[in-house]
Amino acid sequence: MKKLRKQLTDDEPASEGAPGWLQTYSDMVTLVLTFFVLLFSMSTISKEKFEQLSSSLSAAFMGTGRGGVYGYNDGTVLYSVKENTTGDILEDGEEAFNEGKSAEIGAFTGGNADKEAQKIEDFINEVQNIVEEMDLDEYVKVIEDDKSLTVRMNSVILFDLGKADIKEPGKETLRKIGTLIKQLNKNAVIQGHTDNLPINTMLFPTNWELSTKRATNVVLFLVDECGVDPVKLTATGNGEFRPIAPNDTEENRQKNRRIDIVIDKQ
């Protein structure tokens, strides 16, 4: 009997503890727990440091940071920024400092507003000298307001009627003015305008296409022939919808057919 009992005991499998699948499951649960602890530790961000990083990136890319608006610079000028409490989106794509809502003008100019004002005055005088020398007083005007100055060029010196290619005589005038625009180094919008006479050609089904193509050709000329930074230029077409004179006579319609180079003074 003792021999049989010993034999039965020897045949029983030895105790192996917990099943194998349970050990694997426990390891997995431990790893998942560790992973979520790691995520939680990474999600704890300093609000102050995050805002500093956000503002720095916004300034670097000429955008808006959290509550502030920055002007572009080459890294040598420190701009002062005021909190934008209105939350308004400005119209016409203008930066907030142009409206005086978020940044001081002195911040944009680096505290050198007098020098910037002198550059604008010199530009106006030089354009007027070109106009007088080329006897273009009737066709080229300089219009100044608080935020911008506009070089208004009658299309008769730049384009043939119904066409968008710049005429050779007009290139000389545009080249001289473009050289001054390059030196001024300001943002500018090139606006194309037409009269209200309908047009329907293969190239220009409406005045929208004609005015836009004319503005685009002027932008390309300023970039290619005058070396103006393309980042500073924008081309827009307005068709017949922003006249400066009634479209009731040929003389007035000719006034409306124009290119306006609107230069940001800020």
C-alpha atoms as a PDB file:
ATOM      1  CA  MET A   1       0.000   0.000   0.000  1.00  0.00           C
ATOM      2  CA  LYS A   2       2.801   2.417   0.844  1.00  0.00           C
ATOM      3  CA  LYS A   3       4.472   1.593  -2.457  1.00  0.00           C
ATOM      4  CA  LEU A   4       1.262   2.268  -4.406  1.00  0.00           C
ATOM      5  CA  ARG A   5       0.717   5.587  -2.594  1.00  0.00           C
ATOM      6  CA  LYS A   6       4.274   6.689  -3.378  1.00  0.00           C
ATOM      7  CA  GLN A   7       3.805   5.759  -7.019  1.00  0.00           C
ATOM      8  CA  LEU A   8       0.631   7.785  -7.264  1.00  0.00           C
ATOM      9  CA  THR A   9       2.353  10.763  -5.645  1.00  0.00           C
ATOM     10  CA  ASP A  10       5.249  10.597  -8.070  1.00  0.00           C
ATOM     11  CA  ASP A  11       2.863  10.531 -11.038  1.00  0.00           C
ATOM     12  CA  GLU A  12       1.098  13.806 -10.007  1.00  0.00           C
ATOM     13  CA  PRO A  13       2.365  16.895 -11.914  1.00  0.00           C
ATOM     14  CA  ALA A  14       4.318  19.386  -9.898  1.00  0.00           C
ATOM     15  CA  SER A  15       2.600  22.652  -8.991  1.00  0.00           C
ATOM     16  CA  GLU A  16       3.461  25.357 -11.627  1.00  0.00           C
ATOM     17  CA  GLY A  17       1.824  28.445 -10.001  1.00  0.00           C
ATOM     18  CA  ALA A  18      -0.329  30.827 -12.150  1.00  0.00           C
ATOM     19  CA  PRO A  19      -1.223  29.788 -15.725  1.00  0.00           C
ATOM     20  CA  GLY A  20       0.981  31.122 -18.526  1.00  0.00           C
ATOM     21  CA  TRP A  21      -1.724  33.248 -20.113  1.00  0.00           C
ATOM     22  CA  LEU A  22      -2.231  35.123 -16.867  1.00  0.00           C
ATOM     23  CA  GLN A  23       1.439  36.118 -16.681  1.00  0.00           C
ATOM     24  CA  THR A  24       1.322  37.423 -20.263  1.00  0.00           C
ATOM     25  CA  TYR A  25      -1.848  39.372 -19.496  1.00  0.00           C
ATOM     26  CA  SER A  26      -0.263  40.888 -16.383  1.00  0.00           C
ATOM     27  CA  ASP A  27       2.762  42.040 -18.384  1.00  0.00           C
ATOM     28  CA  MET A  28       0.517  43.659 -20.943  1.00  0.00           C
ATOM     29  CA  VAL A  29      -1.517  45.497 -18.311  1.00  0.00           C
ATOM     30  CA  THR A  30       1.683  46.764 -16.707  1.00  0.00           C
ATOM     31  CA  LEU A  31       2.990  48.071 -20.039  1.00  0.00           C
ATOM     32  CA  VAL A  32      -0.304  49.813 -20.840  1.00  0.00           C
ATOM     33  CA  LEU A  33      -0.343  51.423 -17.418  1.00  0.00           C
ATOM     34  CA  THR A  34       3.237  52.640 -17.906  1.00  0.00           C
ATOM     35  CA  PHE A  35       2.338  54.023 -21.328  1.00  0.00           C
ATOM     36  CA  PHE A  36      -0.573  56.072 -19.973  1.00  0.00           C
ATOM     37  CA  VAL A  37       1.518  57.375 -17.101  1.00  0.00           C
ATOM     38  CA  LEU A  38       4.048  58.559 -19.676  1.00  0.00           C
ATOM     39  CA  LEU A  39       1.322  60.275 -21.710  1.00  0.00           C
ATOM     40  CA  PHE A  40      -0.008  61.982 -18.622  1.00  0.00           C
ATOM     41  CA  SER A  41       3.414  63.294 -17.690  1.00  0.00           C
ATOM     42  CA  MET A  42       3.875  64.691 -21.209  1.00  0.00           C
ATOM     43  CA  SER A  43       0.443  66.319 -21.235  1.00  0.00           C
ATOM     44  CA  THR A  44       1.289  68.464 -18.223  1.00  0.00           C
ATOM     45  CA  ILE A  45       2.471  71.610 -20.051  1.00  0.00           C
ATOM     46  CA  SER A  46       3.472  74.896 -18.558  1.00  0.00           C
ATOM     47  CA  LYS A  47       0.950  77.439 -19.848  1.00  0.00           C
ATOM     48  CA  GLU A  48       3.501  80.221 -19.669  1.00  0.00           C
ATOM     49  CA  LYS A  49       6.109  78.297 -21.655  1.00  0.00           C
ATOM     50  CA  PHE A  50       3.509  77.226 -24.217  1.00  0.00           C
ATOM     51  CA  GLU A  51       2.391  80.817 -24.773  1.00  0.00           C
ATOM     52  CA  GLN A  52       5.992  81.950 -25.154  1.00  0.00           C
ATOM     53  CA  LEU A  53       6.621  79.263 -27.770  1.00  0.00           C
ATOM     54  CA  SER A  54       3.406  80.119 -29.598  1.00  0.00           C
ATOM     55  CA  SER A  55       4.247  83.827 -29.664  1.00  0.00           C
ATOM     56  CA  SER A  56       7.757  83.187 -30.913  1.00  0.00           C
ATOM     57  CA  LEU A  57       6.546  80.995 -33.771  1.00  0.00           C
ATOM     58  CA  SER A  58       3.875  83.525 -34.686  1.00  0.00           C
ATOM     59  CA  ALA A  59       6.394  86.356 -34.804  1.00  0.00           C
ATOM     60  CA  ALA A  60       8.794  84.309 -36.914  1.00  0.00           C
ATOM     61  CA  PHE A  61       6.155  83.636 -39.554  1.00  0.00           C
ATOM     62  CA  MET A  62       4.576  87.140 -39.510  1.00  0.00           C
ATOM     63  CA  GLY A  63       1.402  85.760 -38.016  1.00  0.00           C
ATOM     64  CA  THR A  64      -0.579  86.428 -34.932  1.00  0.00           C
ATOM     65  CA  GLY A  65       0.354  84.968 -31.586  1.00  0.00           C
ATOM     66  CA  ARG A  66      -1.948  84.393 -28.664  1.00  0.00           C
ATOM     67  CA  GLY A  67      -3.400  87.870 -28.232  1.00  0.00           C
ATOM     68  CA  GLY A  68      -0.700  89.861 -30.026  1.00  0.00           C
ATOM     69  CA  VAL A  69       0.178  90.943 -33.518  1.00  0.00           C
ATOM     70  CA  TYR A  70       3.736  91.227 -34.716  1.00  0.00           C
ATOM     71  CA  GLY A  71       5.452  93.082 -37.508  1.00  0.00           C
ATOM     72  CA  TYR A  72       8.079  91.359 -39.606  1.00  0.00           C
ATOM     73  CA  ASN A  73      11.737  92.089 -38.996  1.00  0.00           C
ATOM     74  CA  ASP A  74      15.095  90.573 -39.711  1.00  0.00           C
ATOM     75  CA  GLY A  75      15.728  89.613 -36.105  1.00  0.00           C
ATOM     76  CA  THR A  76      17.491  92.832 -35.133  1.00  0.00           C
ATOM     77  CA  VAL A  77      14.518  94.838 -33.846  1.00  0.00           C
ATOM     78  CA  LEU A  78      12.427  94.053 -30.784  1.00  0.00           C
ATOM     79  CA  TYR A  79       8.789  95.011 -31.196  1.00  0.00           C
ATOM     80  CA  SER A  80       6.511  95.978 -28.366  1.00  0.00           C
ATOM     81  CA  VAL A  81       3.142  94.264 -28.520  1.00  0.00           C
ATOM     82  CA  LYS A  82      -0.162  95.286 -26.991  1.00  0.00           C
ATOM     83  CA  GLU A  83      -2.877  92.861 -26.083  1.00  0.00           C
ATOM     84  CA  ASN A  84      -5.623  92.478 -28.689  1.00  0.00           C
ATOM     85  CA  THR A  85      -8.733  92.604 -26.544  1.00  0.00           C
ATOM     86  CA  THR A  86     -11.263  93.180 -29.324  1.00  0.00           C
ATOM     87  CA  GLY A  87     -10.780  89.897 -31.143  1.00  0.00           C
ATOM     88  CA  ASP A  88     -11.868  91.636 -34.358  1.00  0.00           C
ATOM     89  CA  ILE A  89     -10.728  90.402 -37.759  1.00  0.00           C
ATOM     90  CA  LEU A  90      -9.585  93.430 -39.694  1.00  0.00           C
ATOM     91  CA  GLU A  91     -10.970  94.112 -43.129  1.00  0.00           C
ATOM     92  CA  ASP A  92      -9.048  94.289 -46.425  1.00  0.00           C
ATOM     93  CA  GLY A  93      -6.271  92.032 -45.160  1.00  0.00           C
ATOM     94  CA  GLU A  94      -4.550  94.859 -43.283  1.00  0.00           C
ATOM     95  CA  GLU A  95      -2.336  94.059 -40.333  1.00  0.00           C
ATOM     96  CA  ALA A  96      -3.653  95.107 -36.961  1.00  0.00           C
ATOM     97  CA  PHE A  97      -0.942  97.688 -36.412  1.00  0.00           C
ATOM     98  CA  ASN A  98      -2.168  99.583 -39.493  1.00  0.00           C
ATOM     99  CA  GLU A  99      -5.472 100.101 -37.715  1.00  0.00           C
ATOM    100  CA  GLY A 100      -3.830 100.890 -34.402  1.00  0.00           C
ATOM    101  CA  LYS A 101      -5.796  98.102 -32.692  1.00  0.00           C
ATOM    102  CA  SER A 102      -3.024  95.803 -31.562  1.00  0.00           C
ATOM    103  CA  ALA A 103       0.444  97.203 -32.077  1.00  0.00           C
ATOM    104  CA  GLU A 104       1.860 100.670 -31.858  1.00  0.00           C
ATOM    105  CA  ILE A 105       3.152 102.235 -35.039  1.00  0.00           C
ATOM    106  CA  GLY A 106       6.370 102.999 -33.241  1.00  0.00           C
ATOM    107  CA  ALA A 107       6.774  99.271 -32.648  1.00  0.00           C
ATOM    108  CA  PHE A 108       6.514  98.511 -36.345  1.00  0.00           C
ATOM    109  CA  THR A 109       9.049 101.146 -37.292  1.00  0.00           C
ATOM    110  CA  GLY A 110      11.365 100.140 -34.503  1.00  0.00           C
ATOM    111  CA  GLY A 111      10.944 103.546 -32.862  1.00  0.00           C
ATOM    112  CA  ASN A 112      12.185 105.245 -36.022  1.00  0.00           C
ATOM    113  CA  ALA A 113       8.967 106.784 -37.320  1.00  0.00           C
ATOM    114  CA  ASP A 114      10.640 110.006 -38.436  1.00  0.00           C
ATOM    115  CA  LYS A 115      12.982 108.121 -40.728  1.00  0.00           C
ATOM    116  CA  GLU A 116      10.109 106.156 -42.249  1.00  0.00           C
ATOM    117  CA  ALA A 117       8.130 109.337 -42.830  1.00  0.00           C
ATOM    118  CA  GLN A 118      11.118 110.873 -44.577  1.00  0.00           C
ATOM    119  CA  LYS A 119      11.415 107.849 -46.870  1.00  0.00           C
ATOM    120  CA  ILE A 120       7.774 108.255 -47.874  1.00  0.00           C
ATOM    121  CA  GLU A 121       8.235 111.965 -48.545  1.00  0.00           C
ATOM    122  CA  ASP A 122      11.339 111.302 -50.643  1.00  0.00           C
ATOM    123  CA  PHE A 123       9.460 108.658 -52.634  1.00  0.00           C
ATOM    124  CA  ILE A 124       6.623 111.077 -53.423  1.00  0.00           C
ATOM    125  CA  ASN A 125       9.026 113.797 -54.517  1.00  0.00           C
ATOM    126  CA  GLU A 126      10.980 111.421 -56.742  1.00  0.00           C
ATOM    127  CA  VAL A 127       7.837 110.104 -58.418  1.00  0.00           C
ATOM    128  CA  GLN A 128       6.650 113.641 -59.041  1.00  0.00           C
ATOM    129  CA  ASN A 129      10.028 114.487 -60.574  1.00  0.00           C
ATOM    130  CA  ILE A 130       9.698 111.514 -62.937  1.00  0.00           C
ATOM    131  CA  VAL A 131       6.185 112.600 -63.882  1.00  0.00           C
ATOM    132  CA  GLU A 132       7.355 116.137 -64.656  1.00  0.00           C
ATOM    133  CA  GLU A 133      10.394 114.999 -66.604  1.00  0.00           C
ATOM    134  CA  MET A 134       8.307 112.663 -68.772  1.00  0.00           C
ATOM    135  CA  ASP A 135       5.442 115.160 -69.083  1.00  0.00           C
ATOM    136  CA  LEU A 136       2.928 112.734 -67.576  1.00  0.00           C
ATOM    137  CA  ASP A 137       1.128 115.066 -65.163  1.00  0.00           C
ATOM    138  CA  GLU A 138      -2.175 114.219 -66.818  1.00  0.00           C
ATOM    139  CA  TYR A 139      -1.687 110.469 -66.570  1.00  0.00           C
ATOM    140  CA  VAL A 140       0.190 109.737 -63.336  1.00  0.00           C
ATOM    141  CA  LYS A 141      -0.884 110.976 -59.905  1.00  0.00           C
ATOM    142  CA  VAL A 142       0.340 110.379 -56.360  1.00  0.00           C
ATOM    143  CA  ILE A 143      -2.429 110.298 -53.759  1.00  0.00           C
ATOM    144  CA  GLU A 144      -1.569 110.179 -50.055  1.00  0.00           C
ATOM    145  CA  ASP A 145      -3.678 109.434 -46.991  1.00  0.00           C
ATOM    146  CA  ASP A 146      -2.963 108.430 -43.416  1.00  0.00           C
ATOM    147  CA  LYS A 147      -2.326 104.761 -44.109  1.00  0.00           C
ATOM    148  CA  SER A 148      -1.150 104.512 -47.691  1.00  0.00           C
ATOM    149  CA  LEU A 149      -0.081 106.332 -50.796  1.00  0.00           C
ATOM    150  CA  THR A 150      -1.348 105.489 -54.255  1.00  0.00           C
ATOM    151  CA  VAL A 151       0.482 105.873 -57.531  1.00  0.00           C
ATOM    152  CA  ARG A 152      -2.409 106.137 -59.993  1.00  0.00           C
ATOM    153  CA  MET A 153      -1.483 105.425 -63.603  1.00  0.00           C
ATOM    154  CA  ASN A 154      -3.945 105.964 -66.420  1.00  0.00           C
ATOM    155  CA  SER A 155      -4.088 102.818 -68.535  1.00  0.00           C
ATOM    156  CA  VAL A 156      -3.634 104.838 -71.734  1.00  0.00           C
ATOM    157  CA  ILE A 157       0.121 104.927 -71.094  1.00  0.00           C
ATOM    158  CA  LEU A 158       0.300 101.210 -70.225  1.00  0.00           C
ATOM    159  CA  PHE A 159      -2.224  99.282 -72.321  1.00  0.00           C
ATOM    160  CA  ASP A 160      -4.084  99.352 -75.577  1.00  0.00           C
ATOM    161  CA  LEU A 161      -7.865  99.312 -75.313  1.00  0.00           C
ATOM    162  CA  GLY A 162      -9.106  95.846 -74.393  1.00  0.00           C
ATOM    163  CA  LYS A 163      -5.594  94.408 -74.003  1.00  0.00           C
ATOM    164  CA  ALA A 164      -3.361  93.554 -71.030  1.00  0.00           C
ATOM    165  CA  ASP A 165       0.138  93.572 -72.522  1.00  0.00           C
ATOM    166  CA  ILE A 166       2.201  96.535 -71.299  1.00  0.00           C
ATOM    167  CA  LYS A 167       3.118  98.886 -74.136  1.00  0.00           C
ATOM    168  CA  GLU A 168       6.784  99.672 -74.727  1.00  0.00           C
ATOM    169  CA  PRO A 169       6.442 103.407 -73.925  1.00  0.00           C
ATOM    170  CA  GLY A 170       4.689 102.531 -70.676  1.00  0.00           C
ATOM    171  CA  LYS A 171       7.481 100.167 -69.642  1.00  0.00           C
ATOM    172  CA  GLU A 172       9.936 103.042 -69.310  1.00  0.00           C
ATOM    173  CA  THR A 173       7.641 104.891 -66.903  1.00  0.00           C
ATOM    174  CA  LEU A 174       6.830 101.751 -64.959  1.00  0.00           C
ATOM    175  CA  ARG A 175      10.493 100.807 -64.726  1.00  0.00           C
ATOM    176  CA  LYS A 176      11.453 104.131 -63.148  1.00  0.00           C
ATOM    177  CA  ILE A 177       8.612 104.018 -60.675  1.00  0.00           C
ATOM    178  CA  GLY A 178       9.299 100.355 -59.953  1.00  0.00           C
ATOM    179  CA  THR A 179      12.887 101.146 -59.042  1.00  0.00           C
ATOM    180  CA  LEU A 180      11.632 103.598 -56.425  1.00  0.00           C
ATOM    181  CA  ILE A 181       9.149 101.016 -55.107  1.00  0.00           C
ATOM    182  CA  LYS A 182      12.000  98.554 -54.674  1.00  0.00           C
ATOM    183  CA  GLN A 183      14.004 101.105 -52.689  1.00  0.00           C
ATOM    184  CA  LEU A 184      11.001 101.950 -50.538  1.00  0.00           C
ATOM    185  CA  ASN A 185      10.600  98.243 -49.676  1.00  0.00           C
ATOM    186  CA  LYS A 186       6.967  98.430 -48.585  1.00  0.00           C
ATOM    187  CA  ASN A 187       3.999  96.155 -49.171  1.00  0.00           C
ATOM    188  CA  ALA A 188       1.968  97.196 -52.201  1.00  0.00           C
ATOM    189  CA  VAL A 189      -1.272  96.112 -53.840  1.00  0.00           C
ATOM    190  CA  ILE A 190      -1.477  96.495 -57.621  1.00  0.00           C
ATOM    191  CA  GLN A 191      -5.126  97.153 -58.467  1.00  0.00           C
ATOM    192  CA  GLY A 192      -6.510  96.845 -61.971  1.00  0.00           C
ATOM    193  CA  HIS A 193      -9.591  98.914 -62.898  1.00  0.00           C
ATOM    194  CA  THR A 194     -11.670  99.252 -66.067  1.00  0.00           C
ATOM    195  CA  ASP A 195     -14.626 101.277 -67.303  1.00  0.00           C
ATOM    196  CA  ASN A 196     -18.115  99.822 -67.554  1.00  0.00           C
ATOM    197  CA  LEU A 197     -18.050  99.036 -71.261  1.00  0.00           C
ATOM    198  CA  PRO A 198     -18.623  95.272 -71.564  1.00  0.00           C
ATOM    199  CA  ILE A 199     -15.931  93.081 -73.050  1.00  0.00           C
ATOM    200  CA  ASN A 200     -16.356  89.536 -74.312  1.00  0.00           C
ATOM    201  CA  THR A 201     -13.281  88.073 -75.952  1.00  0.00           C
ATOM    202  CA  MET A 202     -11.665  84.664 -75.784  1.00  0.00           C
ATOM    203  CA  LEU A 203      -9.006  85.951 -73.384  1.00  0.00           C
ATOM    204  CA  PHE A 204     -11.224  88.303 -71.392  1.00  0.00           C
ATOM    205  CA  PRO A 205     -14.862  87.242 -71.102  1.00  0.00           C
ATOM    206  CA  THR A 206     -15.524  90.079 -68.641  1.00  0.00           C
ATOM    207  CA  ASN A 207     -13.809  93.155 -67.221  1.00  0.00           C
ATOM    208  CA  TRP A 208     -12.858  91.088 -64.171  1.00  0.00           C
ATOM    209  CA  GLU A 209     -10.420  89.035 -66.223  1.00  0.00           C
ATOM    210  CA  LEU A 210      -9.078  92.090 -68.044  1.00  0.00           C
ATOM    211  CA  SER A 211      -8.418  94.110 -64.893  1.00  0.00           C
ATOM    212  CA  THR A 212      -6.871  91.142 -63.084  1.00  0.00           C
ATOM    213  CA  LYS A 213      -4.566  90.277 -65.978  1.00  0.00           C
ATOM    214  CA  ARG A 214      -3.405  93.878 -66.266  1.00  0.00           C
ATOM    215  CA  ALA A 215      -2.600  94.006 -62.552  1.00  0.00           C
ATOM    216  CA  THR A 216      -0.804  90.675 -62.764  1.00  0.00           C
ATOM    217  CA  ASN A 217       1.306  91.823 -65.705  1.00  0.00           C
ATOM    218  CA  VAL A 218       2.335  94.933 -63.800  1.00  0.00           C
ATOM    219  CA  VAL A 219       3.339  92.790 -60.803  1.00  0.00           C
ATOM    220  CA  LEU A 220       5.412  90.493 -63.035  1.00  0.00           C
ATOM    221  CA  PHE A 221       7.089  93.504 -64.635  1.00  0.00           C
ATOM    222  CA  LEU A 222       7.985  95.003 -61.258  1.00  0.00           C
ATOM    223  CA  VAL A 223       9.471  91.689 -60.147  1.00  0.00           C
ATOM    224  CA  ASP A 224      11.298  90.761 -63.355  1.00  0.00           C
ATOM    225  CA  GLU A 225      12.403  94.180 -64.585  1.00  0.00           C
ATOM    226  CA  CYS A 226      12.736  96.199 -61.377  1.00  0.00           C
ATOM    227  CA  GLY A 227      13.766  93.567 -58.842  1.00  0.00           C
ATOM    228  CA  VAL A 228      10.893  94.247 -56.451  1.00  0.00           C
ATOM    229  CA  ASP A 229      10.485  91.531 -53.837  1.00  0.00           C
ATOM    230  CA  PRO A 230       7.449  89.461 -54.936  1.00  0.00           C
ATOM    231  CA  VAL A 231       6.556  88.878 -51.281  1.00  0.00           C
ATOM    232  CA  LYS A 232       5.774  92.596 -51.070  1.00  0.00           C
ATOM    233  CA  LEU A 233       3.321  92.609 -53.998  1.00  0.00           C
ATOM    234  CA  THR A 234      -0.294  91.567 -54.486  1.00  0.00           C
ATOM    235  CA  ALA A 235      -2.308  91.751 -57.712  1.00  0.00           C
ATOM    236  CA  THR A 236      -6.063  92.376 -57.642  1.00  0.00           C
ATOM    237  CA  GLY A 237      -8.685  93.000 -60.304  1.00  0.00           C
ATOM    238  CA  ASN A 238     -11.727  95.177 -59.620  1.00  0.00           C
ATOM    239  CA  GLY A 239     -13.328  95.360 -63.035  1.00  0.00           C
ATOM    240  CA  GLU A 240     -15.595  98.373 -63.455  1.00  0.00           C
ATOM    241  CA  PHE A 241     -16.870  98.342 -59.881  1.00  0.00           C
ATOM    242  CA  ARG A 242     -14.624 100.976 -58.280  1.00  0.00           C
ATOM    243  CA  PRO A 243     -14.857 103.968 -60.616  1.00  0.00           C
ATOM    244  CA  ILE A 244     -13.398 107.340 -59.750  1.00  0.00           C
ATOM    245  CA  ALA A 245     -15.600 109.161 -62.255  1.00  0.00           C
ATOM    246  CA  PRO A 246     -19.048 108.597 -63.769  1.00  0.00           C
ATOM    247  CA  ASN A 247     -18.940 106.366 -66.835  1.00  0.00           C
ATOM    248  CA  ASP A 248     -20.989 108.872 -68.830  1.00  0.00           C
ATOM    249  CA  THR A 249     -18.341 110.231 -71.220  1.00  0.00           C
ATOM    250  CA  GLU A 250     -15.291 108.833 -72.960  1.00  0.00           C
ATOM    251  CA  GLU A 251     -13.083 111.153 -70.955  1.00  0.00           C
ATOM    252  CA  ASN A 252     -14.482 109.858 -67.677  1.00  0.00           C
ATOM    253  CA  ARG A 253     -14.298 106.240 -68.792  1.00  0.00           C
ATOM    254  CA  GLN A 254     -10.642 106.783 -69.576  1.00  0.00           C
ATOM    255  CA  LYS A 255     -10.087 107.991 -66.017  1.00  0.00           C
ATOM    256  CA  ASN A 256     -11.595 104.784 -64.712  1.00  0.00           C
ATOM    257  CA  ARG A 257      -9.314 102.631 -66.858  1.00  0.00           C
ATOM    258  CA  ARG A 258      -6.290 102.689 -64.578  1.00  0.00           C
ATOM    259  CA  ILE A 259      -3.715 100.890 -62.472  1.00  0.00           C
ATOM    260  CA  ASP A 260      -3.518 101.887 -58.821  1.00  0.00           C
ATOM    261  CA  ILE A 261      -0.317 100.967 -56.963  1.00  0.00           C
ATOM    262  CA  VAL A 262      -1.404 101.214 -53.335  1.00  0.00           C
ATOM    263  CA  ILE A 263       1.627 101.260 -51.053  1.00  0.00           C
ATOM    264  CA  ASP A 264       1.393 100.634 -47.333  1.00  0.00           C
ATOM    265  CA  LYS A 265       2.982 103.522 -45.425  1.00  0.00           C
ATOM    266  CA  GLN A 266       3.366 101.632 -42.156  1.00  0.00           C
END
